[in-house]
Amino acid sequence: MGFFNIPGLLSLIPIGLRMLLKGKVPPVIHHSIDEVDDVKRIFKELDQ
């Protein structure tokens, strides 16, 4: 299924509406991580 597969994308509309009604759609703009420095430090320690 590609980005320009219009019939395929239209077939997903009922699934998307059900997800929207049940609150299962992720936010369009995500929230930032408060402790981003800690996450970077952990990944740096694991990378070594």
Protein backbone atom coordinates (compact mmCIF):
# COMPACT_ATOMS: atom_id res chain seq x y z
CA MET A 1 0.00 0.00 0.00
CA GLY A 2 1.55 3.25 -1.08
CA PHE A 3 0.93 6.87 -0.36
CA PHE A 4 -0.88 7.38 -3.67
CA ASN A 5 -2.97 4.21 -3.46
CA ILE A 6 -6.25 6.11 -3.15
CA PRO A 7 -8.61 3.07 -3.19
CA GLY A 8 -6.52 1.37 -0.53
CA LEU A 9 -6.46 4.46 1.65
CA LEU A 10 -10.21 4.94 1.27
CA SER A 11 -10.74 1.39 2.49
CA LEU A 12 -9.01 2.36 5.76
CA ILE A 13 -11.48 5.15 6.57
CA PRO A 14 -13.87 2.92 8.59
CA ILE A 15 -10.95 1.61 10.67
CA GLY A 16 -9.67 5.14 11.25
CA LEU A 17 -13.10 6.36 12.35
CA ARG A 18 -13.43 3.46 14.81
CA MET A 19 -9.99 4.25 16.22
CA LEU A 20 -10.89 7.92 16.54
CA LEU A 21 -14.13 7.16 18.39
CA LYS A 22 -12.35 4.83 20.83
CA GLY A 23 -9.52 7.30 21.48
CA LYS A 24 -6.82 5.13 19.89
CA VAL A 25 -5.40 7.76 17.53
CA PRO A 26 -1.97 9.08 18.56
CA PRO A 27 -1.53 12.84 18.83
CA VAL A 28 -0.32 14.64 15.72
CA ILE A 29 2.21 16.70 17.69
CA HIS A 30 3.98 14.59 20.29
CA HIS A 31 5.03 15.90 23.68
CA SER A 32 8.69 16.34 24.50
CA ILE A 33 10.50 14.17 27.03
CA ASP A 34 11.20 15.99 30.28
CA GLU A 35 14.39 14.07 31.13
CA VAL A 36 15.91 14.05 27.63
CA ASP A 37 19.43 14.47 29.05
CA ASP A 38 19.02 11.31 31.15
CA VAL A 39 17.83 9.36 28.10
CA LYS A 40 20.81 10.56 26.05
CA ARG A 41 23.17 9.62 28.89
CA ILE A 42 21.70 6.11 29.13
CA PHE A 43 22.04 5.52 25.39
CA LYS A 44 25.62 6.86 25.45
CA GLU A 45 26.51 4.47 28.30
CA LEU A 46 24.94 1.52 26.48
CA ASP A 47 26.73 2.41 23.24
CA GLN A 48 30.20 2.13 24.83
